[in-house]
């Protein structure tokens, strides 16, 4: 089980390579970058980033770092062997994001469960597929949904996604700003279809 320090501080722009280019053109001003987007925010993570800009928090160091960290995590992910369990911590004075890289085959089902303890908060868990498209190398595939928690000071998220293509997938985790707490992430993988012989599994397959 990796130590909490594996939740690294990242620094970059927002969700896609397109945003990195726009950031450079806008002299690293996240406000200009988000306003230049050709589409409305489609995920809760993007809506939160837009809200930071609308509240002028992108002019603060912490706000800029949060906007930057989301893309940096995708470009510098941590390899994850499945099944896996990861734990870590986040602090209110840090703007952090982390992405985990894994290989999936077509038809495999990725299941992730995240529990974050601390102050009531929103924490974002999104899945991306790494593509050969240089203008959009990280294609968004799924967002975790929030589940009811027995503890009011905890956030519980679940993500269930069937891979449509073989390839590399990234699972990105990023909490809101100014929050303190710990998280536990479990990730498993399973075939979409059950084994056709009752009482048998994939281990029964032989040449």
Protein backbone atom coordinates (compact mmCIF):
# COMPACT_ATOMS: atom_id res chain seq x y z
CA UNK A 1 0.00 0.00 0.00
CA UNK A 2 1.66 3.25 -1.10
CA UNK A 3 2.20 6.05 1.44
CA UNK A 4 0.06 9.16 1.47
CA UNK A 5 2.93 11.14 -0.07
CA UNK A 6 2.15 9.50 -3.42
CA UNK A 7 -0.56 12.11 -3.87
CA UNK A 8 1.78 14.56 -5.64
CA UNK A 9 1.51 18.29 -6.31
CA UNK A 10 0.99 18.82 -10.02
CA UNK A 11 1.19 21.98 -12.21
CA UNK A 12 -0.41 22.49 -15.66
CA UNK A 13 -3.64 23.75 -17.41
CA UNK A 14 -7.12 22.07 -17.59
CA UNK A 15 -8.35 18.88 -19.25
CA UNK A 16 -6.87 18.65 -22.74
CA UNK A 17 -3.81 19.42 -24.79
CA UNK A 18 -5.87 22.12 -26.48
CA UNK A 19 -6.02 23.93 -23.14
CA UNK A 20 -2.25 23.70 -22.78
CA UNK A 21 -1.82 25.48 -26.11
CA UNK A 22 -4.39 28.10 -25.18
CA UNK A 23 -2.62 28.62 -21.87
CA UNK A 24 0.64 29.39 -23.65
CA UNK A 25 -1.10 31.78 -26.02
CA UNK A 26 -2.82 33.47 -23.12
CA UNK A 27 0.45 33.90 -21.19
CA UNK A 28 -0.58 31.26 -18.68
CA UNK A 29 -3.78 33.09 -17.74
CA UNK A 30 -6.42 30.44 -16.85
CA UNK A 31 -9.19 33.06 -17.11
CA UNK A 32 -8.45 33.66 -20.81
CA UNK A 33 -8.03 29.93 -21.42
CA UNK A 34 -11.43 28.98 -20.04
CA UNK A 35 -13.18 31.84 -21.81
CA UNK A 36 -11.70 30.69 -25.12
CA UNK A 37 -13.25 27.22 -24.84
CA UNK A 38 -15.58 26.49 -27.73
CA UNK A 39 -17.92 24.38 -25.63
CA UNK A 40 -19.70 24.75 -22.33
CA UNK A 41 -18.32 22.74 -19.40
CA UNK A 42 -19.49 19.14 -19.68
CA UNK A 43 -18.29 17.71 -16.37
CA UNK A 44 -18.59 18.79 -12.74
CA UNK A 45 -14.81 19.22 -12.72
CA UNK A 46 -14.97 21.65 -15.65
CA UNK A 47 -17.89 23.52 -14.07
CA UNK A 48 -15.86 23.97 -10.90
CA UNK A 49 -12.93 25.30 -12.92
CA UNK A 50 -15.24 27.74 -14.67
CA UNK A 51 -16.64 28.83 -11.31
CA UNK A 52 -13.11 29.63 -10.10
CA UNK A 53 -12.66 31.90 -13.09
CA UNK A 54 -16.06 33.54 -12.68
CA UNK A 55 -15.18 34.29 -9.04
CA UNK A 56 -11.78 35.72 -10.12
CA UNK A 57 -10.02 33.06 -8.04
CA UNK A 58 -7.83 32.27 -11.04
CA UNK A 59 -5.96 35.47 -10.19
CA UNK A 60 -4.77 33.87 -6.94
CA UNK A 61 -1.80 31.52 -6.74
CA UNK A 62 -3.92 28.70 -5.33
CA UNK A 63 -6.60 29.11 -8.00
CA UNK A 64 -4.04 29.11 -10.83
CA UNK A 65 -2.36 26.06 -9.38
CA UNK A 66 -5.66 24.14 -9.21
CA UNK A 67 -6.48 24.90 -12.83
CA UNK A 68 -2.97 23.95 -13.85
CA UNK A 69 -2.79 20.73 -11.84
CA UNK A 70 -5.69 19.01 -13.59
CA UNK A 71 -3.89 18.76 -16.93
CA UNK A 72 -0.45 18.17 -15.44
CA UNK A 73 -1.74 15.05 -13.71
CA UNK A 74 -2.90 13.61 -17.04
CA UNK A 75 0.46 14.27 -18.65
CA UNK A 76 2.42 12.73 -15.76
CA UNK A 77 0.33 9.79 -14.48
CA UNK A 78 1.26 7.09 -11.99
CA UNK A 79 1.23 3.49 -13.26
CA UNK A 80 -1.42 1.37 -11.57
CA UNK A 81 -1.58 -2.44 -11.60
CA UNK A 82 -5.10 -3.77 -11.16
CA UNK A 83 -6.66 -4.63 -8.84
CA UNK A 84 -5.34 -1.78 -6.73
CA UNK A 85 -5.93 0.16 -3.54
CA UNK A 86 -4.46 3.64 -3.17
CA UNK A 87 -4.54 5.97 -0.16
CA UNK A 88 -3.45 9.56 0.17
CA UNK A 89 -4.09 12.93 1.77
CA UNK A 90 -4.83 16.49 0.69
CA UNK A 91 -4.21 19.77 2.51
CA UNK A 92 -6.09 23.11 2.31
CA UNK A 93 -2.98 25.05 1.30
CA UNK A 94 -2.26 22.80 -1.69
CA UNK A 95 -3.89 22.48 -5.11
CA UNK A 96 -3.40 18.85 -6.05
CA UNK A 97 -4.42 16.32 -8.66
CA UNK A 98 -3.24 12.81 -9.42
CA UNK A 99 -3.90 10.50 -12.38
CA UNK A 100 -3.45 6.73 -12.45
CA UNK A 101 -2.56 4.99 -15.70
CA UNK A 102 -3.86 1.51 -16.58
CA UNK A 103 -4.28 -0.69 -19.65
CA UNK A 104 -7.75 -1.92 -20.57
CA UNK A 105 -9.01 -4.22 -23.30
CA UNK A 106 -12.20 -3.81 -25.26
CA UNK A 107 -15.11 -5.16 -23.24
CA UNK A 108 -13.37 -5.04 -19.87
CA UNK A 109 -15.27 -3.21 -17.14
CA UNK A 110 -13.42 -0.79 -14.89
CA UNK A 111 -14.93 -0.30 -11.45
CA UNK A 112 -13.58 2.34 -9.07
CA UNK A 113 -14.73 3.33 -5.58
CA UNK A 114 -13.45 6.43 -3.81
CA UNK A 115 -14.01 7.40 -0.20
CA UNK A 116 -12.70 10.78 0.96
CA UNK A 117 -12.80 11.68 4.66
CA UNK A 118 -12.61 15.19 6.03
CA UNK A 119 -14.78 18.28 5.82
CA UNK A 120 -17.87 17.96 3.61
CA UNK A 121 -16.44 18.42 0.13
CA UNK A 122 -16.73 17.67 -3.53
CA UNK A 123 -14.01 15.51 -4.99
CA UNK A 124 -13.77 14.80 -8.72
CA UNK A 125 -12.99 11.40 -10.23
CA UNK A 126 -12.87 11.22 -14.05
CA UNK A 127 -11.77 8.58 -16.56
CA UNK A 128 -9.95 9.44 -19.80
CA UNK A 129 -8.81 7.40 -22.80
CA UNK A 130 -5.40 8.30 -24.23
CA UNK A 131 -5.79 8.81 -27.99
CA UNK A 132 -3.54 9.52 -30.97
CA UNK A 133 -5.41 12.78 -31.60
CA UNK A 134 -2.83 15.49 -30.94
CA UNK A 135 -5.51 18.14 -30.46
CA UNK A 136 -7.41 16.05 -27.91
CA UNK A 137 -5.08 13.37 -26.51
CA UNK A 138 -7.20 12.75 -23.39
CA UNK A 139 -10.76 11.85 -24.37
CA UNK A 140 -13.16 12.01 -21.44
CA UNK A 141 -15.01 8.73 -20.97
CA UNK A 142 -16.76 8.73 -17.58
CA UNK A 143 -17.33 10.67 -14.37
CA UNK A 144 -17.87 9.07 -10.98
CA UNK A 145 -21.26 9.52 -9.37
CA UNK A 146 -21.74 10.44 -5.73
CA UNK A 147 -23.24 7.79 -3.46
CA UNK A 148 -25.02 8.29 -0.14
CA UNK A 149 -22.57 8.12 2.78
CA UNK A 150 -23.35 7.06 6.32
CA UNK A 151 -20.81 9.60 7.55
CA UNK A 152 -21.81 13.20 6.73
CA UNK A 153 -18.12 14.18 6.67
CA UNK A 154 -17.28 11.70 3.91
CA UNK A 155 -17.64 11.71 0.15
CA UNK A 156 -18.21 8.36 -1.59
CA UNK A 157 -17.88 8.17 -5.38
CA UNK A 158 -18.38 5.21 -7.73
CA UNK A 159 -17.32 4.84 -11.36
CA UNK A 160 -18.28 1.93 -13.63
CA UNK A 161 -17.17 1.98 -17.26
CA UNK A 162 -16.92 -0.60 -20.05
CA UNK A 163 -13.88 -0.02 -22.27
CA UNK A 164 -14.86 0.49 -25.90
CA UNK A 165 -11.29 0.24 -27.18
CA UNK A 166 -8.02 -1.42 -26.21
CA UNK A 167 -5.55 1.09 -24.86
CA UNK A 168 -4.34 3.29 -22.06
CA UNK A 169 -6.81 4.87 -19.66
CA UNK A 170 -6.23 7.51 -16.99
CA UNK A 171 -8.22 7.85 -13.79
CA UNK A 172 -7.84 11.40 -12.41
CA UNK A 173 -8.63 12.42 -8.86
CA UNK A 174 -8.80 16.05 -7.72
CA UNK A 175 -10.53 17.60 -4.66
CA UNK A 176 -11.90 21.10 -4.30
CA UNK A 177 -9.66 23.85 -2.98
CA UNK A 178 -9.20 24.61 0.73
CA UNK A 179 -10.03 21.11 1.96
CA UNK A 180 -8.22 18.77 4.32
CA UNK A 181 -8.64 15.03 4.54
CA UNK A 182 -7.66 11.57 3.37
CA UNK A 183 -8.88 9.38 0.54
CA UNK A 184 -9.02 5.67 -0.25
CA UNK A 185 -9.39 4.55 -3.86
CA UNK A 186 -10.04 0.96 -4.91
CA UNK A 187 -9.94 -0.03 -8.58
CA UNK A 188 -10.86 -3.40 -10.04
CA UNK A 189 -11.38 -4.80 -13.52
CA UNK A 190 -13.70 -7.55 -14.72
CA UNK A 191 -14.88 -8.97 -18.05
CA UNK A 192 -18.23 -7.61 -19.20
CA UNK A 193 -19.71 -11.06 -19.88
CA UNK A 194 -19.88 -13.82 -17.32
CA UNK A 195 -18.13 -17.12 -18.03
CA UNK A 196 -20.59 -19.27 -20.03
CA UNK A 197 -20.10 -22.45 -17.96
CA UNK A 198 -21.72 -22.42 -14.53
CA UNK A 199 -19.25 -22.83 -11.68
CA UNK A 200 -16.26 -22.07 -13.90
CA UNK A 201 -14.15 -18.94 -14.50
CA UNK A 202 -11.52 -17.64 -16.88
CA UNK A 203 -8.90 -19.85 -15.19
CA UNK A 204 -10.66 -22.88 -16.71
CA UNK A 205 -9.76 -21.79 -20.26
CA UNK A 206 -6.98 -23.89 -21.83
CA UNK A 207 -5.66 -24.43 -25.32
